[in-house]
């Protein structure tokens, strides 16, 4: 499962980097999807590091990812209620 997650995150990173280097305008939904894949992958890696070392610094990325997800959901709810 870890190998598959890293492959998917690597593909997302490669697609984003290639679009960025070719100076192509990235649509907002594609950008958010790629960024979310990369952020979730990093959060899972840091959570695993925290479980192994019990150092609180490894919780920074998972907590930040959770806050970004909550913020995104709140924005979606706000936009759907104001239509």
PDB file of N, CA and C in Angstrom:
ATOM      1  N   UNK A   1       0.815  -1.191   0.000  1.00  0.00           N
ATOM      2  CA  UNK A   1       0.000   0.000   0.000  1.00  0.00           C
ATOM      3  C   UNK A   1       0.868   1.267   0.000  1.00  0.00           C
ATOM      4  N   UNK A   2       1.955   1.230   0.755  1.00  0.00           N
ATOM      5  CA  UNK A   2       2.851   2.385   0.805  1.00  0.00           C
ATOM      6  C   UNK A   2       3.499   2.628  -0.549  1.00  0.00           C
ATOM      7  N   UNK A   3       3.867   1.550  -1.215  1.00  0.00           N
ATOM      8  CA  UNK A   3       4.507   1.685  -2.525  1.00  0.00           C
ATOM      9  C   UNK A   3       3.541   2.322  -3.530  1.00  0.00           C
ATOM     10  N   UNK A   4       2.284   1.890  -3.510  1.00  0.00           N
ATOM     11  CA  UNK A   4       1.287   2.439  -4.428  1.00  0.00           C
ATOM     12  C   UNK A   4       1.029   3.922  -4.128  1.00  0.00           C
ATOM     13  N   UNK A   5       0.967   4.273  -2.854  1.00  0.00           N
ATOM     14  CA  UNK A   5       0.742   5.670  -2.465  1.00  0.00           C
ATOM     15  C   UNK A   5       1.890   6.547  -2.941  1.00  0.00           C
ATOM     16  N   UNK A   6       3.107   6.043  -2.802  1.00  0.00           N
ATOM     17  CA  UNK A   6       4.264   6.819  -3.248  1.00  0.00           C
ATOM     18  C   UNK A   6       4.312   6.952  -4.771  1.00  0.00           C
ATOM     19  N   UNK A   7       3.871   5.930  -5.481  1.00  0.00           N
ATOM     20  CA  UNK A   7       3.827   6.005  -6.945  1.00  0.00           C
ATOM     21  C   UNK A   7       2.818   7.051  -7.389  1.00  0.00           C
ATOM     22  N   UNK A   8       1.630   7.036  -6.781  1.00  0.00           N
ATOM     23  CA  UNK A   8       0.593   8.012  -7.139  1.00  0.00           C
ATOM     24  C   UNK A   8       1.060   9.430  -6.813  1.00  0.00           C
ATOM     25  N   UNK A   9       1.676   9.616  -5.650  1.00  0.00           N
ATOM     26  CA  UNK A   9       2.182  10.938  -5.281  1.00  0.00           C
ATOM     27  C   UNK A   9       3.310  11.372  -6.217  1.00  0.00           C
ATOM     28  N   UNK A  10       4.145  10.447  -6.632  1.00  0.00           N
ATOM     29  CA  UNK A  10       5.213  10.770  -7.578  1.00  0.00           C
ATOM     30  C   UNK A  10       4.674  11.193  -8.930  1.00  0.00           C
ATOM     31  N   UNK A  11       3.634  10.516  -9.382  1.00  0.00           N
ATOM     32  CA  UNK A  11       3.002  10.892 -10.654  1.00  0.00           C
ATOM     33  C   UNK A  11       2.382  12.276 -10.540  1.00  0.00           C
ATOM     34  N   UNK A  12       1.690  12.544  -9.427  1.00  0.00           N
ATOM     35  CA  UNK A  12       1.077  13.862  -9.226  1.00  0.00           C
ATOM     36  C   UNK A  12       2.146  14.947  -9.190  1.00  0.00           C
ATOM     37  N   UNK A  13       3.251  14.675  -8.493  1.00  0.00           N
ATOM     38  CA  UNK A  13       4.339  15.639  -8.419  1.00  0.00           C
ATOM     39  C   UNK A  13       4.944  15.884  -9.796  1.00  0.00           C
ATOM     40  N   UNK A  14       5.137  14.819 -10.578  1.00  0.00           N
ATOM     41  CA  UNK A  14       5.717  14.947 -11.913  1.00  0.00           C
ATOM     42  C   UNK A  14       4.792  15.744 -12.837  1.00  0.00           C
ATOM     43  N   UNK A  15       3.495  15.470 -12.790  1.00  0.00           N
ATOM     44  CA  UNK A  15       2.536  16.203 -13.628  1.00  0.00           C
ATOM     45  C   UNK A  15       2.549  17.683 -13.266  1.00  0.00           C
ATOM     46  N   UNK A  16       2.504  17.980 -11.973  1.00  0.00           N
ATOM     47  CA  UNK A  16       2.513  19.380 -11.544  1.00  0.00           C
ATOM     48  C   UNK A  16       3.803  20.078 -11.959  1.00  0.00           C
ATOM     49  N   UNK A  17       4.933  19.431 -11.731  1.00  0.00           N
ATOM     50  CA  UNK A  17       6.216  20.037 -12.071  1.00  0.00           C
ATOM     51  C   UNK A  17       6.354  20.251 -13.576  1.00  0.00           C
ATOM     52  N   UNK A  18       5.904  19.284 -14.377  1.00  0.00           N
ATOM     53  CA  UNK A  18       6.012  19.438 -15.830  1.00  0.00           C
ATOM     54  C   UNK A  18       5.097  20.552 -16.331  1.00  0.00           C
ATOM     55  N   UNK A  19       3.888  20.660 -15.783  1.00  0.00           N
ATOM     56  CA  UNK A  19       3.001  21.757 -16.184  1.00  0.00           C
ATOM     57  C   UNK A  19       3.578  23.105 -15.760  1.00  0.00           C
ATOM     58  N   UNK A  20       4.174  23.151 -14.586  1.00  0.00           N
ATOM     59  CA  UNK A  20       4.768  24.391 -14.094  1.00  0.00           C
ATOM     60  C   UNK A  20       5.960  24.809 -14.948  1.00  0.00           C
ATOM     61  N   UNK A  21       6.827  23.862 -15.292  1.00  0.00           N
ATOM     62  CA  UNK A  21       8.018  24.191 -16.072  1.00  0.00           C
ATOM     63  C   UNK A  21       7.689  24.550 -17.514  1.00  0.00           C
ATOM     64  N   UNK A  22       6.601  23.993 -18.047  1.00  0.00           N
ATOM     65  CA  UNK A  22       6.187  24.344 -19.405  1.00  0.00           C
ATOM     66  C   UNK A  22       5.385  25.642 -19.432  1.00  0.00           C
ATOM     67  N   UNK A  23       5.170  26.239 -18.256  1.00  0.00           N
ATOM     68  CA  UNK A  23       4.450  27.508 -18.103  1.00  0.00           C
ATOM     69  C   UNK A  23       3.043  27.445 -18.682  1.00  0.00           C
ATOM     70  N   UNK A  24       2.387  26.327 -18.432  1.00  0.00           N
ATOM     71  CA  UNK A  24       1.000  26.151 -18.845  1.00  0.00           C
ATOM     72  C   UNK A  24       0.117  26.593 -17.689  1.00  0.00           C
ATOM     73  N   UNK A  25      -0.942  27.335 -17.999  1.00  0.00           N
ATOM     74  CA  UNK A  25      -1.885  27.718 -16.953  1.00  0.00           C
ATOM     75  C   UNK A  25      -2.591  26.471 -16.443  1.00  0.00           C
ATOM     76  N   UNK A  26      -2.438  26.221 -15.165  1.00  0.00           N
ATOM     77  CA  UNK A  26      -3.034  25.037 -14.554  1.00  0.00           C
ATOM     78  C   UNK A  26      -4.424  25.415 -14.056  1.00  0.00           C
ATOM     79  N   UNK A  27      -5.466  24.690 -14.492  1.00  0.00           N
ATOM     80  CA  UNK A  27      -6.806  24.979 -13.973  1.00  0.00           C
ATOM     81  C   UNK A  27      -6.852  24.791 -12.457  1.00  0.00           C
ATOM     82  N   UNK A  28      -7.719  25.555 -11.821  1.00  0.00           N
ATOM     83  CA  UNK A  28      -7.784  25.553 -10.363  1.00  0.00           C
ATOM     84  C   UNK A  28      -8.107  24.176  -9.798  1.00  0.00           C
ATOM     85  N   UNK A  29      -9.044  23.458 -10.431  1.00  0.00           N
ATOM     86  CA  UNK A  29      -9.421  22.143  -9.896  1.00  0.00           C
ATOM     87  C   UNK A  29      -8.290  21.124 -10.050  1.00  0.00           C
ATOM     88  N   UNK A  30      -7.515  21.207 -11.124  1.00  0.00           N
ATOM     89  CA  UNK A  30      -6.369  20.310 -11.306  1.00  0.00           C
ATOM     90  C   UNK A  30      -5.286  20.641 -10.282  1.00  0.00           C
ATOM     91  N   UNK A  31      -5.037  21.923 -10.085  1.00  0.00           N
ATOM     92  CA  UNK A  31      -4.031  22.350  -9.112  1.00  0.00           C
ATOM     93  C   UNK A  31      -4.389  21.877  -7.705  1.00  0.00           C
ATOM     94  N   UNK A  32      -5.640  22.051  -7.318  1.00  0.00           N
ATOM     95  CA  UNK A  32      -6.071  21.641  -5.981  1.00  0.00           C
ATOM     96  C   UNK A  32      -5.984  20.131  -5.832  1.00  0.00           C
ATOM     97  N   UNK A  33      -6.366  19.390  -6.866  1.00  0.00           N
ATOM     98  CA  UNK A  33      -6.306  17.928  -6.792  1.00  0.00           C
ATOM     99  C   UNK A  33      -4.870  17.436  -6.636  1.00  0.00           C
ATOM    100  N   UNK A  34      -3.966  17.963  -7.451  1.00  0.00           N
ATOM    101  CA  UNK A  34      -2.561  17.550  -7.367  1.00  0.00           C
ATOM    102  C   UNK A  34      -1.948  17.939  -6.024  1.00  0.00           C
ATOM    103  N   UNK A  35      -2.247  19.146  -5.577  1.00  0.00           N
ATOM    104  CA  UNK A  35      -1.711  19.597  -4.297  1.00  0.00           C
ATOM    105  C   UNK A  35      -2.263  18.771  -3.141  1.00  0.00           C
ATOM    106  N   UNK A  36      -3.528  18.401  -3.216  1.00  0.00           N
ATOM    107  CA  UNK A  36      -4.139  17.584  -2.166  1.00  0.00           C
ATOM    108  C   UNK A  36      -3.510  16.196  -2.110  1.00  0.00           C
ATOM    109  N   UNK A  37      -3.245  15.602  -3.268  1.00  0.00           N
ATOM    110  CA  UNK A  37      -2.598  14.284  -3.300  1.00  0.00           C
ATOM    111  C   UNK A  37      -1.218  14.353  -2.653  1.00  0.00           C
ATOM    112  N   UNK A  38      -0.451  15.370  -3.008  1.00  0.00           N
ATOM    113  CA  UNK A  38       0.895  15.512  -2.458  1.00  0.00           C
ATOM    114  C   UNK A  38       0.843  15.794  -0.957  1.00  0.00           C
ATOM    115  N   UNK A  39      -0.078  16.651  -0.531  1.00  0.00           N
ATOM    116  CA  UNK A  39      -0.180  16.995   0.887  1.00  0.00           C
ATOM    117  C   UNK A  39      -0.628  15.809   1.732  1.00  0.00           C
ATOM    118  N   UNK A  40      -1.581  15.033   1.236  1.00  0.00           N
ATOM    119  CA  UNK A  40      -2.043  13.857   1.977  1.00  0.00           C
ATOM    120  C   UNK A  40      -0.924  12.825   2.082  1.00  0.00           C
ATOM    121  N   UNK A  41      -0.180  12.638   1.008  1.00  0.00           N
ATOM    122  CA  UNK A  41       0.949  11.705   1.048  1.00  0.00           C
ATOM    123  C   UNK A  41       1.971  12.135   2.099  1.00  0.00           C
ATOM    124  N   UNK A  42       2.298  13.404   2.115  1.00  0.00           N
ATOM    125  CA  UNK A  42       3.268  13.904   3.093  1.00  0.00           C
ATOM    126  C   UNK A  42       2.729  13.778   4.513  1.00  0.00           C
ATOM    127  N   UNK A  43       1.437  14.025   4.692  1.00  0.00           N
ATOM    128  CA  UNK A  43       0.838  13.911   6.027  1.00  0.00           C
ATOM    129  C   UNK A  43       0.897  12.471   6.534  1.00  0.00           C
ATOM    130  N   UNK A  44       0.635  11.509   5.659  1.00  0.00           N
ATOM    131  CA  UNK A  44       0.710  10.099   6.059  1.00  0.00           C
ATOM    132  C   UNK A  44       2.139   9.721   6.430  1.00  0.00           C
ATOM    133  N   UNK A  45       3.111  10.177   5.642  1.00  0.00           N
ATOM    134  CA  UNK A  45       4.518   9.893   5.962  1.00  0.00           C
ATOM    135  C   UNK A  45       4.918  10.485   7.316  1.00  0.00           C
ATOM    136  N   UNK A  46       4.507  11.721   7.563  1.00  0.00           N
ATOM    137  CA  UNK A  46       4.862  12.366   8.829  1.00  0.00           C
ATOM    138  C   UNK A  46       4.149  11.709  10.007  1.00  0.00           C
ATOM    139  N   UNK A  47       2.918  11.254   9.803  1.00  0.00           N
ATOM    140  CA  UNK A  47       2.212  10.556  10.875  1.00  0.00           C
ATOM    141  C   UNK A  47       2.934   9.256  11.227  1.00  0.00           C
ATOM    142  N   UNK A  48       3.394   8.539  10.203  1.00  0.00           N
ATOM    143  CA  UNK A  48       4.162   7.316  10.455  1.00  0.00           C
ATOM    144  C   UNK A  48       5.465   7.623  11.190  1.00  0.00           C
ATOM    145  N   UNK A  49       6.121   8.727  10.827  1.00  0.00           N
ATOM    146  CA  UNK A  49       7.339   9.138  11.541  1.00  0.00           C
ATOM    147  C   UNK A  49       7.032   9.463  12.999  1.00  0.00           C
ATOM    148  N   UNK A  50       5.897  10.118  13.237  1.00  0.00           N
ATOM    149  CA  UNK A  50       5.522  10.447  14.616  1.00  0.00           C
ATOM    150  C   UNK A  50       5.283   9.187  15.436  1.00  0.00           C
ATOM    151  N   UNK A  51       4.611   8.203  14.847  1.00  0.00           N
ATOM    152  CA  UNK A  51       4.344   6.967  15.577  1.00  0.00           C
ATOM    153  C   UNK A  51       5.637   6.239  15.933  1.00  0.00           C
ATOM    154  N   UNK A  52       6.646   6.351  15.081  1.00  0.00           N
ATOM    155  CA  UNK A  52       7.923   5.687  15.355  1.00  0.00           C
ATOM    156  C   UNK A  52       8.761   6.444  16.388  1.00  0.00           C
ATOM    157  N   UNK A  53       8.792   7.776  16.292  1.00  0.00           N
ATOM    158  CA  UNK A  53       9.703   8.557  17.134  1.00  0.00           C
ATOM    159  C   UNK A  53       9.027   9.246  18.307  1.00  0.00           C
ATOM    160  N   UNK A  54       7.725   9.449  18.245  1.00  0.00           N
ATOM    161  CA  UNK A  54       6.959  10.176  19.277  1.00  0.00           C
ATOM    162  C   UNK A  54       7.452  11.614  19.463  1.00  0.00           C
ATOM    163  N   UNK A  55       8.013  12.197  18.415  1.00  0.00           N
ATOM    164  CA  UNK A  55       8.427  13.599  18.463  1.00  0.00           C
ATOM    165  C   UNK A  55       7.299  14.454  17.910  1.00  0.00           C
ATOM    166  N   UNK A  56       6.944  15.490  18.638  1.00  0.00           N
ATOM    167  CA  UNK A  56       5.790  16.320  18.284  1.00  0.00           C
ATOM    168  C   UNK A  56       5.992  17.104  16.988  1.00  0.00           C
ATOM    169  N   UNK A  57       7.224  17.335  16.590  1.00  0.00           N
ATOM    170  CA  UNK A  57       7.479  18.103  15.379  1.00  0.00           C
ATOM    171  C   UNK A  57       6.921  17.384  14.146  1.00  0.00           C
ATOM    172  N   UNK A  58       6.813  16.069  14.216  1.00  0.00           N
ATOM    173  CA  UNK A  58       6.287  15.313  13.085  1.00  0.00           C
ATOM    174  C   UNK A  58       4.774  15.444  12.949  1.00  0.00           C
ATOM    175  N   UNK A  59       4.117  16.055  13.924  1.00  0.00           N
ATOM    176  CA  UNK A  59       2.672  16.265  13.832  1.00  0.00           C
ATOM    177  C   UNK A  59       2.314  17.551  13.097  1.00  0.00           C
ATOM    178  N   UNK A  60       3.287  18.374  12.777  1.00  0.00           N
ATOM    179  CA  UNK A  60       3.011  19.664  12.152  1.00  0.00           C
ATOM    180  C   UNK A  60       2.316  19.510  10.804  1.00  0.00           C
ATOM    181  N   UNK A  61       2.826  18.670   9.937  1.00  0.00           N
ATOM    182  CA  UNK A  61       2.242  18.512   8.604  1.00  0.00           C
ATOM    183  C   UNK A  61       0.875  17.832   8.653  1.00  0.00           C
ATOM    184  N   UNK A  62       0.675  16.744   9.424  1.00  0.00           N
ATOM    185  CA  UNK A  62      -0.675  16.167   9.477  1.00  0.00           C
ATOM    186  C   UNK A  62      -1.729  17.129  10.025  1.00  0.00           C
ATOM    187  N   UNK A  63      -1.379  17.901  11.044  1.00  0.00           N
ATOM    188  CA  UNK A  63      -2.339  18.859  11.598  1.00  0.00           C
ATOM    189  C   UNK A  63      -2.621  19.964  10.591  1.00  0.00           C
ATOM    190  N   UNK A  64      -1.590  20.436   9.910  1.00  0.00           N
ATOM    191  CA  UNK A  64      -1.777  21.458   8.883  1.00  0.00           C
ATOM    192  C   UNK A  64      -2.639  20.931   7.741  1.00  0.00           C
ATOM    193  N   UNK A  65      -2.413  19.700   7.331  1.00  0.00           N
ATOM    194  CA  UNK A  65      -3.223  19.103   6.268  1.00  0.00           C
ATOM    195  C   UNK A  65      -4.680  19.000   6.695  1.00  0.00           C
ATOM    196  N   UNK A  66      -4.905  18.621   7.934  1.00  0.00           N
ATOM    197  CA  UNK A  66      -6.267  18.535   8.446  1.00  0.00           C
ATOM    198  C   UNK A  66      -6.934  19.905   8.460  1.00  0.00           C
ATOM    199  N   UNK A  67      -6.203  20.926   8.874  1.00  0.00           N
ATOM    200  CA  UNK A  67      -6.761  22.280   8.882  1.00  0.00           C
ATOM    201  C   UNK A  67      -7.088  22.757   7.470  1.00  0.00           C
ATOM    202  N   UNK A  68      -6.219  22.458   6.498  1.00  0.00           N
ATOM    203  CA  UNK A  68      -6.497  22.833   5.117  1.00  0.00           C
ATOM    204  C   UNK A  68      -7.739  22.119   4.589  1.00  0.00           C
ATOM    205  N   UNK A  69      -7.904  20.854   4.935  1.00  0.00           N
ATOM    206  CA  UNK A  69      -9.086  20.106   4.492  1.00  0.00           C
ATOM    207  C   UNK A  69     -10.358  20.688   5.097  1.00  0.00           C
ATOM    208  N   UNK A  70     -10.322  21.008   6.376  1.00  0.00           N
ATOM    209  CA  UNK A  70     -11.490  21.616   7.029  1.00  0.00           C
ATOM    210  C   UNK A  70     -11.791  22.972   6.407  1.00  0.00           C
ATOM    211  N   UNK A  71     -10.763  23.764   6.152  1.00  0.00           N
ATOM    212  CA  UNK A  71     -10.939  25.066   5.517  1.00  0.00           C
ATOM    213  C   UNK A  71     -11.556  24.919   4.125  1.00  0.00           C
ATOM    214  N   UNK A  72     -11.082  23.944   3.353  1.00  0.00           N
ATOM    215  CA  UNK A  72     -11.634  23.708   2.020  1.00  0.00           C
ATOM    216  C   UNK A  72     -13.089  23.290   2.061  1.00  0.00           C
ATOM    217  N   UNK A  73     -13.441  22.438   3.003  1.00  0.00           N
ATOM    218  CA  UNK A  73     -14.837  22.011   3.134  1.00  0.00           C
ATOM    219  C   UNK A  73     -15.714  23.192   3.532  1.00  0.00           C
ATOM    220  N   UNK A  74     -15.231  24.026   4.435  1.00  0.00           N
ATOM    221  CA  UNK A  74     -16.008  25.198   4.835  1.00  0.00           C
ATOM    222  C   UNK A  74     -16.214  26.163   3.670  1.00  0.00           C
ATOM    223  N   UNK A  75     -15.215  26.325   2.833  1.00  0.00           N
ATOM    224  CA  UNK A  75     -15.360  27.183   1.653  1.00  0.00           C
ATOM    225  C   UNK A  75     -16.394  26.595   0.699  1.00  0.00           C
ATOM    226  N   UNK A  76     -16.349  25.273   0.484  1.00  0.00           N
ATOM    227  CA  UNK A  76     -17.336  24.639  -0.389  1.00  0.00           C
ATOM    228  C   UNK A  76     -18.747  24.801   0.161  1.00  0.00           C
ATOM    229  N   UNK A  77     -18.915  24.635   1.454  1.00  0.00           N
ATOM    230  CA  UNK A  77     -20.235  24.812   2.064  1.00  0.00           C
ATOM    231  C   UNK A  77     -20.697  26.251   1.913  1.00  0.00           C
ATOM    232  N   UNK A  78     -19.816  27.196   2.154  1.00  0.00           N
ATOM    233  CA  UNK A  78     -20.155  28.609   2.026  1.00  0.00           C
ATOM    234  C   UNK A  78     -20.573  28.953   0.598  1.00  0.00           C
ATOM    235  N   UNK A  79     -19.841  28.428  -0.385  1.00  0.00           N
ATOM    236  CA  UNK A  79     -20.165  28.720  -1.781  1.00  0.00           C
ATOM    237  C   UNK A  79     -21.489  28.095  -2.194  1.00  0.00           C
ATOM    238  N   UNK A  80     -21.778  26.887  -1.727  1.00  0.00           N
ATOM    239  CA  UNK A  80     -23.038  26.243  -2.112  1.00  0.00           C
ATOM    240  C   UNK A  80     -24.230  26.906  -1.433  1.00  0.00           C
ATOM    241  N   UNK A  81     -24.052  27.421  -0.237  1.00  0.00           N
ATOM    242  CA  UNK A  81     -25.163  28.080   0.445  1.00  0.00           C
ATOM    243  C   UNK A  81     -25.453  29.458  -0.122  1.00  0.00           C
ATOM    244  N   UNK A  82     -24.484  30.101  -0.739  1.00  0.00           N
ATOM    245  CA  UNK A  82     -24.675  31.444  -1.282  1.00  0.00           C
ATOM    246  C   UNK A  82     -25.098  31.460  -2.737  1.00  0.00           C
ATOM    247  N   UNK A  83     -25.380  30.319  -3.323  1.00  0.00           N
ATOM    248  CA  UNK A  83     -25.809  30.297  -4.730  1.00  0.00           C
ATOM    249  C   UNK A  83     -27.255  30.630  -4.862  1.00  0.00           C
TER     250      UNK A  83
END
